[in-house]
């Protein structure tokens, strides 16, 4: 069974849009999974950098 049942009846433009949306959703998912654990470290790094810059 096809993931999108009417894929063969879709126009080329509609297929392209569907593919683009699929890749974008996949990219967002990967970024969310990879970056989410790093966000606290990133926030701490930025905070420490700002404090260090003020002390100079």
Protein backbone atom coordinates (compact mmCIF):
# COMPACT_ATOMS: atom_id res chain seq x y z
CA UNK A 1 0.00 0.00 0.00
CA UNK A 2 1.35 3.39 -0.96
CA UNK A 3 2.11 5.93 1.72
CA UNK A 4 0.30 8.52 -0.36
CA UNK A 5 -2.43 6.58 -2.20
CA UNK A 6 -2.86 9.03 -5.06
CA UNK A 7 0.84 9.61 -5.73
CA UNK A 8 0.64 8.38 -9.31
CA UNK A 9 -2.20 10.81 -10.09
CA UNK A 10 -0.44 13.85 -8.60
CA UNK A 11 1.14 16.43 -10.88
CA UNK A 12 4.92 16.73 -10.94
CA UNK A 13 4.66 20.06 -9.13
CA UNK A 14 2.52 18.55 -6.35
CA UNK A 15 5.01 15.67 -5.99
CA UNK A 16 7.88 18.15 -5.72
CA UNK A 17 6.09 20.12 -3.01
CA UNK A 18 5.30 16.91 -1.12
CA UNK A 19 8.95 15.80 -1.30
CA UNK A 20 10.14 19.22 -0.14
CA UNK A 21 7.78 19.16 2.84
CA UNK A 22 8.91 15.63 3.70
CA UNK A 23 12.61 16.52 3.62
CA UNK A 24 11.97 19.68 5.63
CA UNK A 25 10.08 17.73 8.28
CA UNK A 26 12.91 15.19 8.44
CA UNK A 27 15.51 17.95 8.79
CA UNK A 28 13.53 19.62 11.58
CA UNK A 29 13.21 16.30 13.39
CA UNK A 30 16.95 15.58 13.11
CA UNK A 31 17.88 19.07 14.29
CA UNK A 32 15.47 18.82 17.22
CA UNK A 33 16.87 15.44 18.28
CA UNK A 34 20.51 16.49 17.89
CA UNK A 35 20.36 20.05 19.24
CA UNK A 36 17.92 19.59 22.10
CA UNK A 37 20.46 17.98 24.44
CA UNK A 38 23.01 20.64 23.50
CA UNK A 39 20.81 23.67 24.23
CA UNK A 40 21.66 23.94 27.97
CA UNK A 41 25.39 23.80 27.15
CA UNK A 42 24.94 26.37 24.41
CA UNK A 43 23.03 28.72 26.73
CA UNK A 44 25.69 28.30 29.43
CA UNK A 45 28.47 28.96 26.92
CA UNK A 46 26.82 32.14 25.67
CA UNK A 47 26.21 33.34 29.22
CA UNK A 48 29.82 32.68 30.23
CA UNK A 49 31.07 34.41 27.09
CA UNK A 50 28.96 37.49 27.81
CA UNK A 51 30.18 37.61 31.42
CA UNK A 52 33.77 37.22 30.25
CA UNK A 53 33.33 40.05 27.71
CA UNK A 54 31.96 42.41 30.38
CA UNK A 55 34.92 41.77 32.65
CA UNK A 56 37.42 42.78 29.97
